[in-house]
PDB file of N, CA and C in Angstrom:
ATOM      1  N   UNK A   1      26.588  75.072  24.009  1.00  0.00           N
ATOM      2  CA  UNK A   1      26.481  74.147  23.101  1.00  0.00           C
ATOM      3  C   UNK A   1      27.724  73.277  22.885  1.00  0.00           C
ATOM      4  N   UNK A   2      29.158  73.585  22.933  1.00  0.00           N
ATOM      5  CA  UNK A   2      29.979  72.821  22.811  1.00  0.00           C
ATOM      6  C   UNK A   2      30.805  71.829  24.199  1.00  0.00           C
ATOM      7  N   UNK A   3      30.144  72.460  25.366  1.00  0.00           N
ATOM      8  CA  UNK A   3      30.357  71.645  26.840  1.00  0.00           C
ATOM      9  C   UNK A   3      29.533  70.507  26.717  1.00  0.00           C
ATOM     10  N   UNK A   4      28.349  70.633  26.056  1.00  0.00           N
ATOM     11  CA  UNK A   4      26.915  69.488  26.148  1.00  0.00           C
ATOM     12  C   UNK A   4      27.340  68.231  24.578  1.00  0.00           C
ATOM     13  N   UNK A   5      28.139  68.910  24.079  1.00  0.00           N
ATOM     14  CA  UNK A   5      28.496  68.005  22.686  1.00  0.00           C
ATOM     15  C   UNK A   5      29.336  67.062  23.423  1.00  0.00           C
ATOM     16  N   UNK A   6      30.212  67.848  24.432  1.00  0.00           N
ATOM     17  CA  UNK A   6      31.850  66.846  24.870  1.00  0.00           C
ATOM     18  C   UNK A   6      31.167  66.096  25.771  1.00  0.00           C
ATOM     19  N   UNK A   7      29.584  66.195  26.305  1.00  0.00           N
ATOM     20  CA  UNK A   7      29.110  65.188  27.168  1.00  0.00           C
ATOM     21  C   UNK A   7      28.389  63.580  26.395  1.00  0.00           C
ATOM     22  N   UNK A   8      28.221  64.134  24.798  1.00  0.00           N
ATOM     23  CA  UNK A   8      27.471  63.707  23.990  1.00  0.00           C
ATOM     24  C   UNK A   8      25.967  64.054  23.391  1.00  0.00           C
ATOM     25  N   UNK A   9      26.129  65.146  23.768  1.00  0.00           N
ATOM     26  CA  UNK A   9      24.503  65.350  23.288  1.00  0.00           C
ATOM     27  C   UNK A   9      24.493  66.149  22.102  1.00  0.00           C
ATOM     28  N   UNK A  10      23.482  65.931  21.158  1.00  0.00           N
ATOM     29  CA  UNK A  10      23.587  66.445  19.834  1.00  0.00           C
ATOM     30  C   UNK A  10      22.755  67.534  19.742  1.00  0.00           C
ATOM     31  N   UNK A  11      22.606  68.476  18.635  1.00  0.00           N
ATOM     32  CA  UNK A  11      21.873  69.257  18.228  1.00  0.00           C
ATOM     33  C   UNK A  11      21.375  69.327  17.194  1.00  0.00           C
ATOM     34  N   UNK A  12      20.228  70.066  16.560  1.00  0.00           N
ATOM     35  CA  UNK A  12      19.500  70.112  15.426  1.00  0.00           C
ATOM     36  C   UNK A  12      18.931  71.472  15.367  1.00  0.00           C
ATOM     37  N   UNK A  13      18.857  72.066  14.326  1.00  0.00           N
ATOM     38  CA  UNK A  13      18.755  73.589  13.896  1.00  0.00           C
ATOM     39  C   UNK A  13      17.216  72.713  13.901  1.00  0.00           C
ATOM     40  N   UNK A  14      15.970  73.373  14.520  1.00  0.00           N
ATOM     41  CA  UNK A  14      14.700  73.197  13.859  1.00  0.00           C
ATOM     42  C   UNK A  14      14.135  73.830  13.350  1.00  0.00           C
ATOM     43  N   UNK A  15      13.060  73.906  12.425  1.00  0.00           N
ATOM     44  CA  UNK A  15      12.483  74.221  11.496  1.00  0.00           C
ATOM     45  C   UNK A  15      13.292  75.310  10.531  1.00  0.00           C
ATOM     46  N   UNK A  16      14.043  74.920   9.945  1.00  0.00           N
ATOM     47  CA  UNK A  16      15.143  75.592   9.038  1.00  0.00           C
ATOM     48  C   UNK A  16      14.608  75.869   7.795  1.00  0.00           C
ATOM     49  N   UNK A  17      15.089  76.950   7.934  1.00  0.00           N
ATOM     50  CA  UNK A  17      14.319  78.100   6.719  1.00  0.00           C
ATOM     51  C   UNK A  17      13.137  79.207   7.013  1.00  0.00           C
ATOM     52  N   UNK A  18      12.505  79.227   8.448  1.00  0.00           N
ATOM     53  CA  UNK A  18      11.296  79.802   8.707  1.00  0.00           C
ATOM     54  C   UNK A  18      12.199  80.972   9.707  1.00  0.00           C
ATOM     55  N   UNK A  19      10.855  81.826  10.123  1.00  0.00           N
ATOM     56  CA  UNK A  19      11.192  82.353  11.089  1.00  0.00           C
ATOM     57  C   UNK A  19      12.423  82.855  11.235  1.00  0.00           C
ATOM     58  N   UNK A  20      13.503  82.534  12.238  1.00  0.00           N
ATOM     59  CA  UNK A  20      14.869  83.365  12.766  1.00  0.00           C
ATOM     60  C   UNK A  20      15.425  82.747  12.305  1.00  0.00           C
ATOM     61  N   UNK A  21      15.214  81.715  11.404  1.00  0.00           N
ATOM     62  CA  UNK A  21      16.571  80.587  11.169  1.00  0.00           C
ATOM     63  C   UNK A  21      17.526  81.595  10.105  1.00  0.00           C
ATOM     64  N   UNK A  22      18.838  81.696  10.104  1.00  0.00           N
ATOM     65  CA  UNK A  22      19.640  82.339   8.584  1.00  0.00           C
ATOM     66  C   UNK A  22      20.816  81.779   9.045  1.00  0.00           C
ATOM     67  N   UNK A  23      21.639  82.185   7.635  1.00  0.00           N
ATOM     68  CA  UNK A  23      22.478  81.069   7.489  1.00  0.00           C
ATOM     69  C   UNK A  23      24.014  81.931   8.636  1.00  0.00           C
ATOM     70  N   UNK A  24      23.416  82.537   9.177  1.00  0.00           N
ATOM     71  CA  UNK A  24      24.628  83.077  10.709  1.00  0.00           C
ATOM     72  C   UNK A  24      24.579  82.097  11.261  1.00  0.00           C
ATOM     73  N   UNK A  25      23.289  81.442  11.760  1.00  0.00           N
ATOM     74  CA  UNK A  25      22.930  80.465  12.819  1.00  0.00           C
ATOM     75  C   UNK A  25      23.701  79.133  12.026  1.00  0.00           C
ATOM     76  N   UNK A  26      23.535  78.820  11.011  1.00  0.00           N
ATOM     77  CA  UNK A  26      23.950  77.502  10.142  1.00  0.00           C
ATOM     78  C   UNK A  26      25.639  77.693  10.359  1.00  0.00           C
ATOM     79  N   UNK A  27      26.245  79.216  10.097  1.00  0.00           N
ATOM     80  CA  UNK A  27      27.597  78.916  10.233  1.00  0.00           C
ATOM     81  C   UNK A  27      28.097  78.902  11.542  1.00  0.00           C
ATOM     82  N   UNK A  28      27.508  79.872  12.237  1.00  0.00           N
ATOM     83  CA  UNK A  28      28.162  79.903  13.715  1.00  0.00           C
ATOM     84  C   UNK A  28      27.692  78.324  14.681  1.00  0.00           C
ATOM     85  N   UNK A  29      26.495  78.084  14.827  1.00  0.00           N
ATOM     86  CA  UNK A  29      26.019  77.156  15.851  1.00  0.00           C
ATOM     87  C   UNK A  29      26.740  75.672  15.697  1.00  0.00           C
ATOM     88  N   UNK A  30      27.461  75.185  16.436  1.00  0.00           N
ATOM     89  CA  UNK A  30      27.519  73.579  16.248  1.00  0.00           C
ATOM     90  C   UNK A  30      26.737  72.676  16.420  1.00  0.00           C
ATOM     91  N   UNK A  31      25.327  72.911  15.888  1.00  0.00           N
ATOM     92  CA  UNK A  31      24.615  72.115  15.400  1.00  0.00           C
ATOM     93  C   UNK A  31      24.961  71.020  14.198  1.00  0.00           C
ATOM     94  N   UNK A  32      24.999  69.612  14.430  1.00  0.00           N
ATOM     95  CA  UNK A  32      24.627  68.605  13.912  1.00  0.00           C
ATOM     96  C   UNK A  32      24.146  68.125  12.805  1.00  0.00           C
ATOM     97  N   UNK A  33      22.559  68.424  13.153  1.00  0.00           N
ATOM     98  CA  UNK A  33      21.536  68.657  11.788  1.00  0.00           C
ATOM     99  C   UNK A  33      20.512  69.742  11.511  1.00  0.00           C
ATOM    100  N   UNK A  34      19.924  69.921  10.226  1.00  0.00           N
ATOM    101  CA  UNK A  34      19.194  70.740  10.060  1.00  0.00           C
ATOM    102  C   UNK A  34      17.967  70.369   9.728  1.00  0.00           C
ATOM    103  N   UNK A  35      16.626  70.674  10.629  1.00  0.00           N
ATOM    104  CA  UNK A  35      15.815  69.939  10.104  1.00  0.00           C
ATOM    105  C   UNK A  35      14.721  70.755   9.137  1.00  0.00           C
ATOM    106  N   UNK A  36      14.709  70.291   8.541  1.00  0.00           N
ATOM    107  CA  UNK A  36      13.606  70.966   7.176  1.00  0.00           C
ATOM    108  C   UNK A  36      11.792  71.278   7.187  1.00  0.00           C
ATOM    109  N   UNK A  37      12.019  72.426   7.531  1.00  0.00           N
ATOM    110  CA  UNK A  37      10.021  72.557   8.072  1.00  0.00           C
ATOM    111  C   UNK A  37       9.730  72.042   7.460  1.00  0.00           C
ATOM    112  N   UNK A  38       8.237  71.260   8.235  1.00  0.00           N
ATOM    113  CA  UNK A  38       7.384  71.021   7.486  1.00  0.00           C
ATOM    114  C   UNK A  38       6.477  71.400   6.439  1.00  0.00           C
ATOM    115  N   UNK A  39       6.504  72.640   6.709  1.00  0.00           N
ATOM    116  CA  UNK A  39       5.594  73.237   5.643  1.00  0.00           C
ATOM    117  C   UNK A  39       6.008  73.586   4.475  1.00  0.00           C
ATOM    118  N   UNK A  40       7.451  73.042   3.991  1.00  0.00           N
ATOM    119  CA  UNK A  40       8.053  73.094   3.032  1.00  0.00           C
ATOM    120  C   UNK A  40       7.759  71.292   2.582  1.00  0.00           C
ATOM    121  N   UNK A  41       7.929  70.794   2.975  1.00  0.00           N
ATOM    122  CA  UNK A  41       8.386  69.016   2.888  1.00  0.00           C
ATOM    123  C   UNK A  41       6.625  68.479   2.354  1.00  0.00           C
ATOM    124  N   UNK A  42       5.537  69.221   3.473  1.00  0.00           N
ATOM    125  CA  UNK A  42       4.210  68.864   3.182  1.00  0.00           C
ATOM    126  C   UNK A  42       3.589  68.754   2.035  1.00  0.00           C
ATOM    127  N   UNK A  43       4.123  70.142   0.997  1.00  0.00           N
ATOM    128  CA  UNK A  43       3.825  70.551  -0.080  1.00  0.00           C
ATOM    129  C   UNK A  43       4.844  70.301  -1.457  1.00  0.00           C
ATOM    130  N   UNK A  44       6.462  69.797  -0.980  1.00  0.00           N
ATOM    131  CA  UNK A  44       6.785  69.359  -2.143  1.00  0.00           C
ATOM    132  C   UNK A  44       6.955  68.660  -3.183  1.00  0.00           C
ATOM    133  N   UNK A  45       5.827  67.543  -3.131  1.00  0.00           N
ATOM    134  CA  UNK A  45       5.392  66.940  -4.216  1.00  0.00           C
ATOM    135  C   UNK A  45       4.634  67.481  -5.310  1.00  0.00           C
ATOM    136  N   UNK A  46       4.028  68.725  -5.060  1.00  0.00           N
ATOM    137  CA  UNK A  46       2.797  69.355  -5.854  1.00  0.00           C
ATOM    138  C   UNK A  46       3.358  71.058  -6.304  1.00  0.00           C
ATOM    139  N   UNK A  47       4.063  71.672  -5.183  1.00  0.00           N
ATOM    140  CA  UNK A  47       5.026  72.539  -5.131  1.00  0.00           C
ATOM    141  C   UNK A  47       6.607  72.978  -5.451  1.00  0.00           C
ATOM    142  N   UNK A  48       6.699  73.204  -7.313  1.00  0.00           N
ATOM    143  CA  UNK A  48       8.405  73.167  -7.368  1.00  0.00           C
ATOM    144  C   UNK A  48       8.452  74.071  -6.230  1.00  0.00           C
ATOM    145  N   UNK A  49       8.219  75.315  -5.629  1.00  0.00           N
ATOM    146  CA  UNK A  49       8.901  76.045  -5.250  1.00  0.00           C
ATOM    147  C   UNK A  49       9.531  75.802  -3.661  1.00  0.00           C
ATOM    148  N   UNK A  50       8.300  74.378  -3.135  1.00  0.00           N
ATOM    149  CA  UNK A  50       8.653  74.061  -1.899  1.00  0.00           C
ATOM    150  C   UNK A  50       9.584  72.719  -2.181  1.00  0.00           C
ATOM    151  N   UNK A  51       9.717  72.185  -2.984  1.00  0.00           N
ATOM    152  CA  UNK A  51      10.722  71.239  -3.776  1.00  0.00           C
ATOM    153  C   UNK A  51      12.226  71.604  -3.859  1.00  0.00           C
ATOM    154  N   UNK A  52      12.106  73.016  -4.406  1.00  0.00           N
ATOM    155  CA  UNK A  52      13.276  73.753  -4.556  1.00  0.00           C
ATOM    156  C   UNK A  52      13.661  74.060  -3.196  1.00  0.00           C
ATOM    157  N   UNK A  53      13.326  74.530  -2.166  1.00  0.00           N
ATOM    158  CA  UNK A  53      13.544  74.775  -0.702  1.00  0.00           C
ATOM    159  C   UNK A  53      13.970  73.559  -0.569  1.00  0.00           C
ATOM    160  N   UNK A  54      13.363  72.362  -0.082  1.00  0.00           N
ATOM    161  CA  UNK A  54      13.928  71.176   0.646  1.00  0.00           C
ATOM    162  C   UNK A  54      15.360  70.881  -0.541  1.00  0.00           C
ATOM    163  N   UNK A  55      14.961  70.739  -1.451  1.00  0.00           N
ATOM    164  CA  UNK A  55      16.826  70.978  -2.576  1.00  0.00           C
ATOM    165  C   UNK A  55      17.766  71.490  -1.850  1.00  0.00           C
ATOM    166  N   UNK A  56      17.443  73.091  -1.596  1.00  0.00           N
ATOM    167  CA  UNK A  56      18.555  74.105  -1.101  1.00  0.00           C
ATOM    168  C   UNK A  56      18.881  73.721   0.380  1.00  0.00           C
ATOM    169  N   UNK A  57      17.747  73.401   0.949  1.00  0.00           N
ATOM    170  CA  UNK A  57      18.322  73.449   2.355  1.00  0.00           C
ATOM    171  C   UNK A  57      18.791  71.789   2.675  1.00  0.00           C
ATOM    172  N   UNK A  58      18.595  70.918   1.767  1.00  0.00           N
ATOM    173  CA  UNK A  58      19.319  69.388   1.713  1.00  0.00           C
ATOM    174  C   UNK A  58      21.008  69.576   1.420  1.00  0.00           C
ATOM    175  N   UNK A  59      21.041  70.785   0.195  1.00  0.00           N
ATOM    176  CA  UNK A  59      22.257  70.947  -0.160  1.00  0.00           C
ATOM    177  C   UNK A  59      23.075  71.836   0.729  1.00  0.00           C
ATOM    178  N   UNK A  60      22.374  72.898   1.392  1.00  0.00           N
ATOM    179  CA  UNK A  60      23.534  73.503   2.289  1.00  0.00           C
ATOM    180  C   UNK A  60      24.040  72.937   3.604  1.00  0.00           C
ATOM    181  N   UNK A  61      23.373  71.662   3.650  1.00  0.00           N
ATOM    182  CA  UNK A  61      23.848  70.563   4.996  1.00  0.00           C
ATOM    183  C   UNK A  61      24.433  70.006   4.368  1.00  0.00           C
ATOM    184  N   UNK A  62      24.865  69.535   3.535  1.00  0.00           N
ATOM    185  CA  UNK A  62      25.712  68.683   2.856  1.00  0.00           C
ATOM    186  C   UNK A  62      27.146  70.266   3.049  1.00  0.00           C
ATOM    187  N   UNK A  63      26.772  70.924   2.243  1.00  0.00           N
ATOM    188  CA  UNK A  63      28.116  71.904   2.084  1.00  0.00           C
ATOM    189  C   UNK A  63      28.622  72.401   3.354  1.00  0.00           C
ATOM    190  N   UNK A  64      27.958  72.553   4.408  1.00  0.00           N
ATOM    191  CA  UNK A  64      28.403  72.599   5.639  1.00  0.00           C
ATOM    192  C   UNK A  64      27.935  71.686   6.591  1.00  0.00           C
ATOM    193  N   UNK A  65      28.560  70.231   6.154  1.00  0.00           N
ATOM    194  CA  UNK A  65      29.064  68.814   6.819  1.00  0.00           C
ATOM    195  C   UNK A  65      27.940  68.972   7.713  1.00  0.00           C
ATOM    196  N   UNK A  66      26.244  69.215   7.605  1.00  0.00           N
ATOM    197  CA  UNK A  66      25.514  69.020   8.847  1.00  0.00           C
ATOM    198  C   UNK A  66      24.254  67.477   7.888  1.00  0.00           C
ATOM    199  N   UNK A  67      23.985  67.038   8.747  1.00  0.00           N
ATOM    200  CA  UNK A  67      22.845  65.791   8.251  1.00  0.00           C
ATOM    201  C   UNK A  67      21.685  66.549   8.227  1.00  0.00           C
ATOM    202  N   UNK A  68      20.990  66.381   7.783  1.00  0.00           N
ATOM    203  CA  UNK A  68      19.517  66.730   7.744  1.00  0.00           C
ATOM    204  C   UNK A  68      18.611  65.834   7.898  1.00  0.00           C
ATOM    205  N   UNK A  69      17.655  66.371   8.327  1.00  0.00           N
ATOM    206  CA  UNK A  69      15.885  65.336   9.076  1.00  0.00           C
ATOM    207  C   UNK A  69      15.095  66.314   8.107  1.00  0.00           C
ATOM    208  N   UNK A  70      13.825  65.387   8.170  1.00  0.00           N
ATOM    209  CA  UNK A  70      12.799  65.903   7.530  1.00  0.00           C
ATOM    210  C   UNK A  70      11.651  66.338   8.027  1.00  0.00           C
ATOM    211  N   UNK A  71      10.568  67.260   8.487  1.00  0.00           N
ATOM    212  CA  UNK A  71       9.945  67.243   9.265  1.00  0.00           C
ATOM    213  C   UNK A  71       8.634  67.134   8.532  1.00  0.00           C
ATOM    214  N   UNK A  72       7.136  66.238   8.830  1.00  0.00           N
ATOM    215  CA  UNK A  72       6.030  66.392   8.109  1.00  0.00           C
ATOM    216  C   UNK A  72       6.154  65.154   6.996  1.00  0.00           C
ATOM    217  N   UNK A  73       6.656  64.479   7.334  1.00  0.00           N
ATOM    218  CA  UNK A  73       6.811  63.191   5.852  1.00  0.00           C
ATOM    219  C   UNK A  73       5.365  62.475   6.864  1.00  0.00           C
ATOM    220  N   UNK A  74       4.597  62.875   5.580  1.00  0.00           N
ATOM    221  CA  UNK A  74       3.715  61.949   5.922  1.00  0.00           C
ATOM    222  C   UNK A  74       2.290  60.991   5.116  1.00  0.00           C
ATOM    223  N   UNK A  75       3.396  60.715   3.598  1.00  0.00           N
ATOM    224  CA  UNK A  75       2.965  59.512   3.061  1.00  0.00           C
ATOM    225  C   UNK A  75       4.857  58.604   2.472  1.00  0.00           C
ATOM    226  N   UNK A  76       4.658  57.669   1.879  1.00  0.00           N
ATOM    227  CA  UNK A  76       5.771  56.734   1.566  1.00  0.00           C
ATOM    228  C   UNK A  76       6.000  57.509   0.326  1.00  0.00           C
ATOM    229  N   UNK A  77       5.541  58.322  -0.192  1.00  0.00           N
ATOM    230  CA  UNK A  77       5.896  59.123  -1.438  1.00  0.00           C
ATOM    231  C   UNK A  77       6.635  60.243  -0.977  1.00  0.00           C
ATOM    232  N   UNK A  78       6.416  60.872  -0.392  1.00  0.00           N
ATOM    233  CA  UNK A  78       7.233  61.745   0.273  1.00  0.00           C
ATOM    234  C   UNK A  78       8.818  61.438   1.000  1.00  0.00           C
ATOM    235  N   UNK A  79       8.512  60.346   1.627  1.00  0.00           N
ATOM    236  CA  UNK A  79       9.884  59.713   2.107  1.00  0.00           C
ATOM    237  C   UNK A  79      10.657  58.940   0.694  1.00  0.00           C
ATOM    238  N   UNK A  80      10.427  58.448  -0.074  1.00  0.00           N
ATOM    239  CA  UNK A  80      10.779  58.074  -1.117  1.00  0.00           C
ATOM    240  C   UNK A  80      11.815  59.100  -1.920  1.00  0.00           C
ATOM    241  N   UNK A  81      10.934  59.876  -2.099  1.00  0.00           N
ATOM    242  CA  UNK A  81      11.188  61.363  -2.995  1.00  0.00           C
ATOM    243  C   UNK A  81      12.233  61.997  -2.065  1.00  0.00           C
ATOM    244  N   UNK A  82      12.341  61.881  -0.504  1.00  0.00           N
ATOM    245  CA  UNK A  82      13.234  62.667  -0.094  1.00  0.00           C
ATOM    246  C   UNK A  82      14.627  61.570  -0.072  1.00  0.00           C
ATOM    247  N   UNK A  83      14.512  60.581   0.044  1.00  0.00           N
ATOM    248  CA  UNK A  83      15.457  59.408   0.006  1.00  0.00           C
ATOM    249  C   UNK A  83      16.009  59.875  -1.445  1.00  0.00           C
ATOM    250  N   UNK A  84      15.808  59.892  -2.483  1.00  0.00           N
ATOM    251  CA  UNK A  84      16.226  60.123  -3.870  1.00  0.00           C
ATOM    252  C   UNK A  84      17.056  61.582  -3.619  1.00  0.00           C
ATOM    253  N   UNK A  85      16.605  62.369  -3.024  1.00  0.00           N
ATOM    254  CA  UNK A  85      16.865  63.728  -3.052  1.00  0.00           C
ATOM    255  C   UNK A  85      18.706  63.971  -1.863  1.00  0.00           C
ATOM    256  N   UNK A  86      18.275  62.446  -1.422  1.00  0.00           N
ATOM    257  CA  UNK A  86      19.680  62.587  -0.251  1.00  0.00           C
ATOM    258  C   UNK A  86      19.464  62.631   1.058  1.00  0.00           C
ATOM    259  N   UNK A  87      17.923  62.780   1.799  1.00  0.00           N
ATOM    260  CA  UNK A  87      17.735  63.096   3.037  1.00  0.00           C
ATOM    261  C   UNK A  87      17.330  61.752   3.570  1.00  0.00           C
ATOM    262  N   UNK A  88      17.953  61.229   4.073  1.00  0.00           N
ATOM    263  CA  UNK A  88      17.668  59.577   4.666  1.00  0.00           C
ATOM    264  C   UNK A  88      16.964  59.842   6.307  1.00  0.00           C
ATOM    265  N   UNK A  89      16.601  60.998   7.031  1.00  0.00           N
ATOM    266  CA  UNK A  89      16.429  60.954   8.106  1.00  0.00           C
ATOM    267  C   UNK A  89      14.814  61.849   8.346  1.00  0.00           C
ATOM    268  N   UNK A  90      13.854  61.236   8.708  1.00  0.00           N
ATOM    269  CA  UNK A  90      12.806  61.678   8.559  1.00  0.00           C
ATOM    270  C   UNK A  90      11.558  61.858   9.847  1.00  0.00           C
ATOM    271  N   UNK A  91      10.834  62.574   9.795  1.00  0.00           N
ATOM    272  CA  UNK A  91       9.808  62.112  11.051  1.00  0.00           C
ATOM    273  C   UNK A  91       8.344  62.652  10.422  1.00  0.00           C
ATOM    274  N   UNK A  92       7.415  61.815  10.770  1.00  0.00           N
ATOM    275  CA  UNK A  92       5.947  62.323  10.274  1.00  0.00           C
ATOM    276  C   UNK A  92       4.955  61.493  10.375  1.00  0.00           C
ATOM    277  N   UNK A  93       3.638  61.661  10.276  1.00  0.00           N
ATOM    278  CA  UNK A  93       2.801  60.326  10.541  1.00  0.00           C
ATOM    279  C   UNK A  93       2.830  59.534   9.476  1.00  0.00           C
ATOM    280  N   UNK A  94       3.882  59.710   8.609  1.00  0.00           N
ATOM    281  CA  UNK A  94       3.774  58.671   7.522  1.00  0.00           C
ATOM    282  C   UNK A  94       4.724  57.395   7.906  1.00  0.00           C
ATOM    283  N   UNK A  95       5.383  57.761   9.095  1.00  0.00           N
ATOM    284  CA  UNK A  95       6.248  56.902  10.002  1.00  0.00           C
ATOM    285  C   UNK A  95       5.628  56.263  10.609  1.00  0.00           C
ATOM    286  N   UNK A  96       5.066  57.398  11.775  1.00  0.00           N
ATOM    287  CA  UNK A  96       4.251  56.924  13.134  1.00  0.00           C
ATOM    288  C   UNK A  96       3.460  57.649  13.744  1.00  0.00           C
ATOM    289  N   UNK A  97       2.575  58.206  14.482  1.00  0.00           N
ATOM    290  CA  UNK A  97       2.048  59.055  15.241  1.00  0.00           C
ATOM    291  C   UNK A  97       2.792  58.620  15.945  1.00  0.00           C
ATOM    292  N   UNK A  98       2.408  60.421  17.407  1.00  0.00           N
ATOM    293  CA  UNK A  98       3.255  60.149  18.599  1.00  0.00           C
ATOM    294  C   UNK A  98       2.690  58.909  19.222  1.00  0.00           C
ATOM    295  N   UNK A  99       3.904  58.467  20.099  1.00  0.00           N
ATOM    296  CA  UNK A  99       3.619  57.468  20.711  1.00  0.00           C
ATOM    297  C   UNK A  99       4.395  57.544  22.085  1.00  0.00           C
ATOM    298  N   UNK A 100       3.865  57.272  23.482  1.00  0.00           N
ATOM    299  CA  UNK A 100       3.963  57.037  24.362  1.00  0.00           C
ATOM    300  C   UNK A 100       4.943  56.437  24.902  1.00  0.00           C
ATOM    301  N   UNK A 101       6.391  57.233  25.611  1.00  0.00           N
ATOM    302  CA  UNK A 101       7.569  56.356  25.924  1.00  0.00           C
ATOM    303  C   UNK A 101       6.984  54.543  25.713  1.00  0.00           C
ATOM    304  N   UNK A 102       6.477  54.204  26.773  1.00  0.00           N
ATOM    305  CA  UNK A 102       6.204  53.145  27.104  1.00  0.00           C
ATOM    306  C   UNK A 102       6.054  52.284  25.555  1.00  0.00           C
ATOM    307  N   UNK A 103       5.434  52.743  24.568  1.00  0.00           N
ATOM    308  CA  UNK A 103       5.056  51.742  23.533  1.00  0.00           C
ATOM    309  C   UNK A 103       6.387  52.076  22.493  1.00  0.00           C
ATOM    310  N   UNK A 104       7.251  52.894  22.558  1.00  0.00           N
ATOM    311  CA  UNK A 104       8.012  53.027  21.655  1.00  0.00           C
ATOM    312  C   UNK A 104       9.021  51.592  21.269  1.00  0.00           C
ATOM    313  N   UNK A 105       9.199  50.962  22.412  1.00  0.00           N
ATOM    314  CA  UNK A 105      10.067  49.643  21.852  1.00  0.00           C
ATOM    315  C   UNK A 105       9.130  48.907  21.351  1.00  0.00           C
ATOM    316  N   UNK A 106       7.931  48.677  21.709  1.00  0.00           N
ATOM    317  CA  UNK A 106       6.848  47.606  21.353  1.00  0.00           C
ATOM    318  C   UNK A 106       6.936  48.334  19.448  1.00  0.00           C
ATOM    319  N   UNK A 107       7.190  49.305  18.798  1.00  0.00           N
ATOM    320  CA  UNK A 107       6.955  50.031  17.576  1.00  0.00           C
ATOM    321  C   UNK A 107       8.241  49.840  17.084  1.00  0.00           C
ATOM    322  N   UNK A 108       9.488  50.239  17.649  1.00  0.00           N
ATOM    323  CA  UNK A 108      10.719  49.299  17.631  1.00  0.00           C
ATOM    324  C   UNK A 108      10.830  48.576  16.638  1.00  0.00           C
ATOM    325  N   UNK A 109      10.436  47.379  17.447  1.00  0.00           N
ATOM    326  CA  UNK A 109      10.556  45.848  17.342  1.00  0.00           C
ATOM    327  C   UNK A 109       9.518  45.931  15.808  1.00  0.00           C
ATOM    328  N   UNK A 110       8.502  46.303  15.962  1.00  0.00           N
ATOM    329  CA  UNK A 110       7.385  45.851  14.690  1.00  0.00           C
ATOM    330  C   UNK A 110       7.266  46.596  13.646  1.00  0.00           C
ATOM    331  N   UNK A 111       8.082  47.659  13.451  1.00  0.00           N
ATOM    332  CA  UNK A 111       7.704  48.801  12.400  1.00  0.00           C
ATOM    333  C   UNK A 111       8.531  48.187  11.375  1.00  0.00           C
ATOM    334  N   UNK A 112       7.984  48.277   9.872  1.00  0.00           N
ATOM    335  CA  UNK A 112       9.165  47.960   8.630  1.00  0.00           C
ATOM    336  C   UNK A 112       9.013  49.117   7.776  1.00  0.00           C
ATOM    337  N   UNK A 113       9.910  49.660   7.558  1.00  0.00           N
ATOM    338  CA  UNK A 113       9.938  50.618   6.809  1.00  0.00           C
ATOM    339  C   UNK A 113       8.978  50.468   5.060  1.00  0.00           C
ATOM    340  N   UNK A 114       8.195  51.304   4.576  1.00  0.00           N
ATOM    341  CA  UNK A 114       7.767  51.148   3.623  1.00  0.00           C
ATOM    342  C   UNK A 114       8.771  50.610   2.277  1.00  0.00           C
ATOM    343  N   UNK A 115       7.996  49.081   1.455  1.00  0.00           N
ATOM    344  CA  UNK A 115       9.322  48.786   0.250  1.00  0.00           C
ATOM    345  C   UNK A 115       9.733  49.701  -0.445  1.00  0.00           C
ATOM    346  N   UNK A 116       9.076  50.858  -0.633  1.00  0.00           N
ATOM    347  CA  UNK A 116       9.753  51.947  -1.806  1.00  0.00           C
ATOM    348  C   UNK A 116      10.913  52.512  -1.367  1.00  0.00           C
ATOM    349  N   UNK A 117      10.922  52.897  -0.115  1.00  0.00           N
ATOM    350  CA  UNK A 117      12.039  53.233   0.994  1.00  0.00           C
ATOM    351  C   UNK A 117      13.395  52.320   0.967  1.00  0.00           C
ATOM    352  N   UNK A 118      13.424  51.205   0.214  1.00  0.00           N
ATOM    353  CA  UNK A 118      14.524  50.065   0.568  1.00  0.00           C
ATOM    354  C   UNK A 118      15.291  50.112  -0.721  1.00  0.00           C
ATOM    355  N   UNK A 119      14.131  50.460  -1.510  1.00  0.00           N
ATOM    356  CA  UNK A 119      15.116  50.456  -3.156  1.00  0.00           C
ATOM    357  C   UNK A 119      16.204  51.138  -3.279  1.00  0.00           C
ATOM    358  N   UNK A 120      17.268  51.412  -4.197  1.00  0.00           N
ATOM    359  CA  UNK A 120      18.161  51.786  -4.298  1.00  0.00           C
ATOM    360  C   UNK A 120      19.524  52.538  -3.734  1.00  0.00           C
ATOM    361  N   UNK A 121      19.728  53.583  -3.666  1.00  0.00           N
ATOM    362  CA  UNK A 121      20.894  53.547  -3.216  1.00  0.00           C
ATOM    363  C   UNK A 121      21.354  53.908  -1.594  1.00  0.00           C
ATOM    364  N   UNK A 122      20.079  54.431  -1.333  1.00  0.00           N
ATOM    365  CA  UNK A 122      19.548  54.835   0.272  1.00  0.00           C
ATOM    366  C   UNK A 122      18.917  53.451   1.018  1.00  0.00           C
ATOM    367  N   UNK A 123      19.523  52.937   1.883  1.00  0.00           N
ATOM    368  CA  UNK A 123      18.744  52.230   2.449  1.00  0.00           C
ATOM    369  C   UNK A 123      18.523  52.690   3.901  1.00  0.00           C
ATOM    370  N   UNK A 124      17.377  52.307   4.134  1.00  0.00           N
ATOM    371  CA  UNK A 124      16.899  53.141   5.284  1.00  0.00           C
ATOM    372  C   UNK A 124      16.924  52.360   6.669  1.00  0.00           C
ATOM    373  N   UNK A 125      17.341  53.015   7.419  1.00  0.00           N
ATOM    374  CA  UNK A 125      17.720  52.434   8.989  1.00  0.00           C
ATOM    375  C   UNK A 125      17.309  52.933  10.083  1.00  0.00           C
ATOM    376  N   UNK A 126      17.243  52.546  11.011  1.00  0.00           N
ATOM    377  CA  UNK A 126      16.868  53.308  12.514  1.00  0.00           C
ATOM    378  C   UNK A 126      17.622  54.099  12.933  1.00  0.00           C
ATOM    379  N   UNK A 127      17.371  55.271  13.368  1.00  0.00           N
ATOM    380  CA  UNK A 127      18.351  56.243  13.982  1.00  0.00           C
ATOM    381  C   UNK A 127      18.021  56.445  15.320  1.00  0.00           C
TER     382      UNK A 127
END
């Protein structure tokens, strides 16, 4: 991983908080991002336990000087809540359905974030 990073490749620990992810990986692997698993993000608006896990992963990312990205952002409300929690990167149908490579540039030229994502201290940026 370190050799790839010297070439400019970056890494994310995918589905953090599920399966075989552990704090040992977080401590030892030189990944730049933690990806919050969609199973927690999807229900965080209704389930206090899932919201606590999302908050915890965001806190761990900060403590270990890592970025964080949320999977499964399906609605503008998910995005707004994540921004308020300090998570500025996300993926999910609330942003875009999967695209063919040739459609990506057209999407980038025309996409605008939900207006609620532009308010407050966390301006939305294209990653």
